[in-house]
């Protein structure tokens, strides 16, 4: 069973750059509810979505999407 992780780093980055969840959902071309579920950890981001988001914020995928205690 895979564990989903709330994307607190992503949410913080999004707020820091003054992007709404709606804007992010449009950026990765998903429904707003789908984006909210992904950011909250209810469902997972696809690799292409993670790649696009990491480029948007000029961060590595690891920096945004791995949990802080990942070893």
PDB file of N, CA and C in Angstrom:
ATOM      1  N   UNK A   1       0.849  -1.182   0.000  1.00  0.00           N
ATOM      2  CA  UNK A   1       0.000   0.000   0.000  1.00  0.00           C
ATOM      3  C   UNK A   1       0.892   1.242   0.000  1.00  0.00           C
ATOM      4  N   UNK A   2       0.613   2.169  -0.903  1.00  0.00           N
ATOM      5  CA  UNK A   2       1.403   3.387  -0.947  1.00  0.00           C
ATOM      6  C   UNK A   2       0.826   4.423  -0.008  1.00  0.00           C
ATOM      7  N   UNK A   3       1.706   5.196   0.551  1.00  0.00           N
ATOM      8  CA  UNK A   3       1.295   6.228   1.485  1.00  0.00           C
ATOM      9  C   UNK A   3       1.312   7.569   0.768  1.00  0.00           C
ATOM     10  N   UNK A   4       0.237   8.330   0.915  1.00  0.00           N
ATOM     11  CA  UNK A   4       0.224   9.666   0.336  1.00  0.00           C
ATOM     12  C   UNK A   4       0.662  10.658   1.395  1.00  0.00           C
ATOM     13  N   UNK A   5       1.293  11.714   0.947  1.00  0.00           N
ATOM     14  CA  UNK A   5       1.849  12.705   1.857  1.00  0.00           C
ATOM     15  C   UNK A   5       1.263  14.059   1.502  1.00  0.00           C
ATOM     16  N   UNK A   6       0.810  14.770   2.512  1.00  0.00           N
ATOM     17  CA  UNK A   6       0.342  16.132   2.295  1.00  0.00           C
ATOM     18  C   UNK A   6       1.503  16.968   1.769  1.00  0.00           C
ATOM     19  N   UNK A   7       1.240  17.748   0.764  1.00  0.00           N
ATOM     20  CA  UNK A   7       2.289  18.514   0.104  1.00  0.00           C
ATOM     21  C   UNK A   7       2.440  19.893   0.759  1.00  0.00           C
ATOM     22  N   UNK A   8       2.929  19.898   2.001  1.00  0.00           N
ATOM     23  CA  UNK A   8       3.050  21.160   2.736  1.00  0.00           C
ATOM     24  C   UNK A   8       4.086  22.084   2.112  1.00  0.00           C
ATOM     25  N   UNK A   9       5.160  21.516   1.566  1.00  0.00           N
ATOM     26  CA  UNK A   9       6.163  22.365   0.910  1.00  0.00           C
ATOM     27  C   UNK A   9       5.572  23.026  -0.327  1.00  0.00           C
ATOM     28  N   UNK A  10       4.812  22.267  -1.092  1.00  0.00           N
ATOM     29  CA  UNK A  10       4.183  22.812  -2.286  1.00  0.00           C
ATOM     30  C   UNK A  10       3.187  23.904  -1.910  1.00  0.00           C
ATOM     31  N   UNK A  11       2.374  23.647  -0.914  1.00  0.00           N
ATOM     32  CA  UNK A  11       1.383  24.637  -0.487  1.00  0.00           C
ATOM     33  C   UNK A  11       2.076  25.922  -0.036  1.00  0.00           C
ATOM     34  N   UNK A  12       3.171  25.785   0.691  1.00  0.00           N
ATOM     35  CA  UNK A  12       3.924  26.966   1.148  1.00  0.00           C
ATOM     36  C   UNK A  12       4.512  27.731  -0.030  1.00  0.00           C
ATOM     37  N   UNK A  13       5.097  27.018  -0.977  1.00  0.00           N
ATOM     38  CA  UNK A  13       5.653  27.660  -2.171  1.00  0.00           C
ATOM     39  C   UNK A  13       4.563  28.367  -2.971  1.00  0.00           C
ATOM     40  N   UNK A  14       3.440  27.698  -3.106  1.00  0.00           N
ATOM     41  CA  UNK A  14       2.320  28.266  -3.855  1.00  0.00           C
ATOM     42  C   UNK A  14       1.863  29.577  -3.211  1.00  0.00           C
ATOM     43  N   UNK A  15       1.697  29.561  -1.908  1.00  0.00           N
ATOM     44  CA  UNK A  15       1.261  30.774  -1.200  1.00  0.00           C
ATOM     45  C   UNK A  15       2.332  31.863  -1.259  1.00  0.00           C
ATOM     46  N   UNK A  16       3.594  31.488  -1.130  1.00  0.00           N
ATOM     47  CA  UNK A  16       4.698  32.456  -1.181  1.00  0.00           C
ATOM     48  C   UNK A  16       4.696  33.207  -2.514  1.00  0.00           C
ATOM     49  N   UNK A  17       4.392  32.498  -3.589  1.00  0.00           N
ATOM     50  CA  UNK A  17       4.378  33.096  -4.922  1.00  0.00           C
ATOM     51  C   UNK A  17       2.996  33.657  -5.303  1.00  0.00           C
ATOM     52  N   UNK A  18       2.095  33.681  -4.325  1.00  0.00           N
ATOM     53  CA  UNK A  18       0.745  34.237  -4.514  1.00  0.00           C
ATOM     54  C   UNK A  18      -0.051  33.553  -5.623  1.00  0.00           C
ATOM     55  N   UNK A  19       0.062  32.223  -5.684  1.00  0.00           N
ATOM     56  CA  UNK A  19      -0.747  31.448  -6.614  1.00  0.00           C
ATOM     57  C   UNK A  19      -1.887  30.802  -5.840  1.00  0.00           C
ATOM     58  N   UNK A  20      -3.061  30.803  -6.425  1.00  0.00           N
ATOM     59  CA  UNK A  20      -4.195  30.116  -5.812  1.00  0.00           C
ATOM     60  C   UNK A  20      -4.185  28.648  -6.233  1.00  0.00           C
ATOM     61  N   UNK A  21      -4.945  27.855  -5.517  1.00  0.00           N
ATOM     62  CA  UNK A  21      -5.088  26.462  -5.919  1.00  0.00           C
ATOM     63  C   UNK A  21      -5.744  26.386  -7.298  1.00  0.00           C
ATOM     64  N   UNK A  22      -6.656  27.283  -7.585  1.00  0.00           N
ATOM     65  CA  UNK A  22      -7.303  27.317  -8.898  1.00  0.00           C
ATOM     66  C   UNK A  22      -6.269  27.579  -9.995  1.00  0.00           C
ATOM     67  N   UNK A  23      -5.372  28.542  -9.773  1.00  0.00           N
ATOM     68  CA  UNK A  23      -4.331  28.827 -10.769  1.00  0.00           C
ATOM     69  C   UNK A  23      -3.428  27.621 -10.983  1.00  0.00           C
ATOM     70  N   UNK A  24      -3.087  26.941  -9.906  1.00  0.00           N
ATOM     71  CA  UNK A  24      -2.230  25.760 -10.022  1.00  0.00           C
ATOM     72  C   UNK A  24      -2.964  24.634 -10.751  1.00  0.00           C
ATOM     73  N   UNK A  25      -4.246  24.483 -10.468  1.00  0.00           N
ATOM     74  CA  UNK A  25      -5.009  23.431 -11.157  1.00  0.00           C
ATOM     75  C   UNK A  25      -5.046  23.703 -12.655  1.00  0.00           C
ATOM     76  N   UNK A  26      -5.206  24.970 -13.026  1.00  0.00           N
ATOM     77  CA  UNK A  26      -5.205  25.325 -14.444  1.00  0.00           C
ATOM     78  C   UNK A  26      -3.820  25.117 -15.055  1.00  0.00           C
ATOM     79  N   UNK A  27      -2.782  25.413 -14.293  1.00  0.00           N
ATOM     80  CA  UNK A  27      -1.410  25.251 -14.787  1.00  0.00           C
ATOM     81  C   UNK A  27      -1.111  23.796 -15.141  1.00  0.00           C
ATOM     82  N   UNK A  28      -1.551  22.859 -14.293  1.00  0.00           N
ATOM     83  CA  UNK A  28      -1.280  21.448 -14.589  1.00  0.00           C
ATOM     84  C   UNK A  28      -2.459  20.772 -15.287  1.00  0.00           C
ATOM     85  N   UNK A  29      -3.471  21.586 -15.616  1.00  0.00           N
ATOM     86  CA  UNK A  29      -4.604  21.115 -16.411  1.00  0.00           C
ATOM     87  C   UNK A  29      -5.406  20.003 -15.735  1.00  0.00           C
ATOM     88  N   UNK A  30      -5.770  20.246 -14.479  1.00  0.00           N
ATOM     89  CA  UNK A  30      -6.657  19.332 -13.763  1.00  0.00           C
ATOM     90  C   UNK A  30      -7.780  20.142 -13.120  1.00  0.00           C
ATOM     91  N   UNK A  31      -8.837  19.468 -12.756  1.00  0.00           N
ATOM     92  CA  UNK A  31      -9.956  20.089 -12.064  1.00  0.00           C
ATOM     93  C   UNK A  31      -9.485  20.641 -10.712  1.00  0.00           C
ATOM     94  N   UNK A  32     -10.096  21.701 -10.253  1.00  0.00           N
ATOM     95  CA  UNK A  32      -9.718  22.296  -8.970  1.00  0.00           C
ATOM     96  C   UNK A  32      -9.785  21.274  -7.835  1.00  0.00           C
ATOM     97  N   UNK A  33     -10.862  20.499  -7.746  1.00  0.00           N
ATOM     98  CA  UNK A  33     -11.004  19.499  -6.682  1.00  0.00           C
ATOM     99  C   UNK A  33      -9.872  18.477  -6.759  1.00  0.00           C
ATOM    100  N   UNK A  34      -9.496  18.097  -7.955  1.00  0.00           N
ATOM    101  CA  UNK A  34      -8.391  17.146  -8.136  1.00  0.00           C
ATOM    102  C   UNK A  34      -7.095  17.739  -7.597  1.00  0.00           C
ATOM    103  N   UNK A  35      -6.841  19.005  -7.925  1.00  0.00           N
ATOM    104  CA  UNK A  35      -5.626  19.651  -7.422  1.00  0.00           C
ATOM    105  C   UNK A  35      -5.630  19.705  -5.898  1.00  0.00           C
ATOM    106  N   UNK A  36      -6.748  20.097  -5.319  1.00  0.00           N
ATOM    107  CA  UNK A  36      -6.850  20.179  -3.852  1.00  0.00           C
ATOM    108  C   UNK A  36      -6.567  18.815  -3.236  1.00  0.00           C
ATOM    109  N   UNK A  37      -7.132  17.765  -3.820  1.00  0.00           N
ATOM    110  CA  UNK A  37      -6.887  16.406  -3.311  1.00  0.00           C
ATOM    111  C   UNK A  37      -5.409  16.045  -3.396  1.00  0.00           C
ATOM    112  N   UNK A  38      -4.749  16.448  -4.460  1.00  0.00           N
ATOM    113  CA  UNK A  38      -3.325  16.155  -4.621  1.00  0.00           C
ATOM    114  C   UNK A  38      -2.502  16.936  -3.598  1.00  0.00           C
ATOM    115  N   UNK A  39      -2.811  18.212  -3.434  1.00  0.00           N
ATOM    116  CA  UNK A  39      -2.057  19.034  -2.481  1.00  0.00           C
ATOM    117  C   UNK A  39      -2.281  18.555  -1.044  1.00  0.00           C
ATOM    118  N   UNK A  40      -3.474  18.067  -0.756  1.00  0.00           N
ATOM    119  CA  UNK A  40      -3.788  17.574   0.593  1.00  0.00           C
ATOM    120  C   UNK A  40      -3.308  16.150   0.836  1.00  0.00           C
ATOM    121  N   UNK A  41      -2.820  15.486  -0.211  1.00  0.00           N
ATOM    122  CA  UNK A  41      -2.304  14.131  -0.047  1.00  0.00           C
ATOM    123  C   UNK A  41      -3.336  13.043  -0.209  1.00  0.00           C
ATOM    124  N   UNK A  42      -4.554  13.398  -0.604  1.00  0.00           N
ATOM    125  CA  UNK A  42      -5.595  12.396  -0.829  1.00  0.00           C
ATOM    126  C   UNK A  42      -5.291  11.569  -2.069  1.00  0.00           C
ATOM    127  N   UNK A  43      -4.706  12.217  -3.072  1.00  0.00           N
ATOM    128  CA  UNK A  43      -4.237  11.511  -4.271  1.00  0.00           C
ATOM    129  C   UNK A  43      -2.848  12.029  -4.624  1.00  0.00           C
ATOM    130  N   UNK A  44      -2.198  11.354  -5.537  1.00  0.00           N
ATOM    131  CA  UNK A  44      -0.804  11.676  -5.843  1.00  0.00           C
ATOM    132  C   UNK A  44      -0.670  12.469  -7.135  1.00  0.00           C
ATOM    133  N   UNK A  45       0.357  13.303  -7.172  1.00  0.00           N
ATOM    134  CA  UNK A  45       0.693  14.004  -8.397  1.00  0.00           C
ATOM    135  C   UNK A  45       1.322  13.026  -9.372  1.00  0.00           C
ATOM    136  N   UNK A  46       1.038  13.215 -10.648  1.00  0.00           N
ATOM    137  CA  UNK A  46       1.702  12.446 -11.696  1.00  0.00           C
ATOM    138  C   UNK A  46       3.091  13.035 -11.910  1.00  0.00           C
ATOM    139  N   UNK A  47       3.989  12.240 -12.446  1.00  0.00           N
ATOM    140  CA  UNK A  47       5.361  12.682 -12.652  1.00  0.00           C
ATOM    141  C   UNK A  47       5.434  13.931 -13.534  1.00  0.00           C
ATOM    142  N   UNK A  48       4.655  13.964 -14.609  1.00  0.00           N
ATOM    143  CA  UNK A  48       4.689  15.141 -15.484  1.00  0.00           C
ATOM    144  C   UNK A  48       4.188  16.392 -14.762  1.00  0.00           C
ATOM    145  N   UNK A  49       3.251  16.243 -13.837  1.00  0.00           N
ATOM    146  CA  UNK A  49       2.763  17.373 -13.038  1.00  0.00           C
ATOM    147  C   UNK A  49       3.854  17.851 -12.084  1.00  0.00           C
ATOM    148  N   UNK A  50       4.531  16.904 -11.447  1.00  0.00           N
ATOM    149  CA  UNK A  50       5.612  17.268 -10.531  1.00  0.00           C
ATOM    150  C   UNK A  50       6.731  17.985 -11.282  1.00  0.00           C
ATOM    151  N   UNK A  51       7.049  17.500 -12.471  1.00  0.00           N
ATOM    152  CA  UNK A  51       8.098  18.111 -13.275  1.00  0.00           C
ATOM    153  C   UNK A  51       7.728  19.549 -13.643  1.00  0.00           C
ATOM    154  N   UNK A  52       6.499  19.766 -14.106  1.00  0.00           N
ATOM    155  CA  UNK A  52       6.048  21.106 -14.494  1.00  0.00           C
ATOM    156  C   UNK A  52       6.062  22.056 -13.300  1.00  0.00           C
ATOM    157  N   UNK A  53       5.596  21.578 -12.154  1.00  0.00           N
ATOM    158  CA  UNK A  53       5.560  22.415 -10.950  1.00  0.00           C
ATOM    159  C   UNK A  53       6.976  22.745 -10.481  1.00  0.00           C
ATOM    160  N   UNK A  54       7.861  21.761 -10.535  1.00  0.00           N
ATOM    161  CA  UNK A  54       9.242  22.021 -10.100  1.00  0.00           C
ATOM    162  C   UNK A  54       9.898  23.060 -10.999  1.00  0.00           C
ATOM    163  N   UNK A  55       9.622  23.020 -12.293  1.00  0.00           N
ATOM    164  CA  UNK A  55      10.167  24.022 -13.207  1.00  0.00           C
ATOM    165  C   UNK A  55       9.562  25.399 -12.929  1.00  0.00           C
ATOM    166  N   UNK A  56       8.280  25.443 -12.657  1.00  0.00           N
ATOM    167  CA  UNK A  56       7.600  26.710 -12.385  1.00  0.00           C
ATOM    168  C   UNK A  56       8.229  27.434 -11.193  1.00  0.00           C
ATOM    169  N   UNK A  57       8.583  26.666 -10.159  1.00  0.00           N
ATOM    170  CA  UNK A  57       9.138  27.258  -8.942  1.00  0.00           C
ATOM    171  C   UNK A  57      10.666  27.197  -8.897  1.00  0.00           C
ATOM    172  N   UNK A  58      11.281  26.704  -9.963  1.00  0.00           N
ATOM    173  CA  UNK A  58      12.738  26.607 -10.053  1.00  0.00           C
ATOM    174  C   UNK A  58      13.334  25.845  -8.872  1.00  0.00           C
ATOM    175  N   UNK A  59      12.712  24.717  -8.546  1.00  0.00           N
ATOM    176  CA  UNK A  59      13.154  23.830  -7.460  1.00  0.00           C
ATOM    177  C   UNK A  59      13.211  22.416  -8.012  1.00  0.00           C
ATOM    178  N   UNK A  60      13.960  21.555  -7.346  1.00  0.00           N
ATOM    179  CA  UNK A  60      13.976  20.156  -7.775  1.00  0.00           C
ATOM    180  C   UNK A  60      12.695  19.466  -7.302  1.00  0.00           C
ATOM    181  N   UNK A  61      12.354  18.397  -7.998  1.00  0.00           N
ATOM    182  CA  UNK A  61      11.185  17.604  -7.587  1.00  0.00           C
ATOM    183  C   UNK A  61      11.357  17.138  -6.151  1.00  0.00           C
ATOM    184  N   UNK A  62      12.571  16.701  -5.803  1.00  0.00           N
ATOM    185  CA  UNK A  62      12.851  16.239  -4.432  1.00  0.00           C
ATOM    186  C   UNK A  62      12.563  17.335  -3.407  1.00  0.00           C
ATOM    187  N   UNK A  63      12.992  18.564  -3.706  1.00  0.00           N
ATOM    188  CA  UNK A  63      12.803  19.668  -2.771  1.00  0.00           C
ATOM    189  C   UNK A  63      11.337  19.938  -2.489  1.00  0.00           C
ATOM    190  N   UNK A  64      10.498  19.728  -3.475  1.00  0.00           N
ATOM    191  CA  UNK A  64       9.070  20.034  -3.309  1.00  0.00           C
ATOM    192  C   UNK A  64       8.271  18.848  -2.820  1.00  0.00           C
ATOM    193  N   UNK A  65       8.513  17.677  -3.385  1.00  0.00           N
ATOM    194  CA  UNK A  65       7.584  16.562  -3.201  1.00  0.00           C
ATOM    195  C   UNK A  65       7.990  15.479  -2.220  1.00  0.00           C
ATOM    196  N   UNK A  66       9.266  15.437  -1.827  1.00  0.00           N
ATOM    197  CA  UNK A  66       9.643  14.435  -0.835  1.00  0.00           C
ATOM    198  C   UNK A  66       9.344  14.943   0.567  1.00  0.00           C
ATOM    199  N   UNK A  67       8.878  14.076   1.453  1.00  0.00           N
ATOM    200  CA  UNK A  67       8.613  14.519   2.815  1.00  0.00           C
ATOM    201  C   UNK A  67       9.912  14.971   3.500  1.00  0.00           C
ATOM    202  N   UNK A  68       9.810  15.881   4.457  1.00  0.00           N
ATOM    203  CA  UNK A  68      10.999  16.443   5.115  1.00  0.00           C
ATOM    204  C   UNK A  68      11.876  15.377   5.791  1.00  0.00           C
ATOM    205  N   UNK A  69      11.278  14.297   6.285  1.00  0.00           N
ATOM    206  CA  UNK A  69      12.037  13.267   7.001  1.00  0.00           C
ATOM    207  C   UNK A  69      12.454  12.117   6.104  1.00  0.00           C
ATOM    208  N   UNK A  70      12.370  12.282   4.781  1.00  0.00           N
ATOM    209  CA  UNK A  70      12.741  11.212   3.844  1.00  0.00           C
ATOM    210  C   UNK A  70      14.231  10.992   3.866  1.00  0.00           C
ATOM    211  N   UNK A  71      14.637   9.716   3.932  1.00  0.00           N
ATOM    212  CA  UNK A  71      16.067   9.396   3.967  1.00  0.00           C
ATOM    213  C   UNK A  71      16.418   8.521   2.792  1.00  0.00           C
TER     214      UNK A  71
END
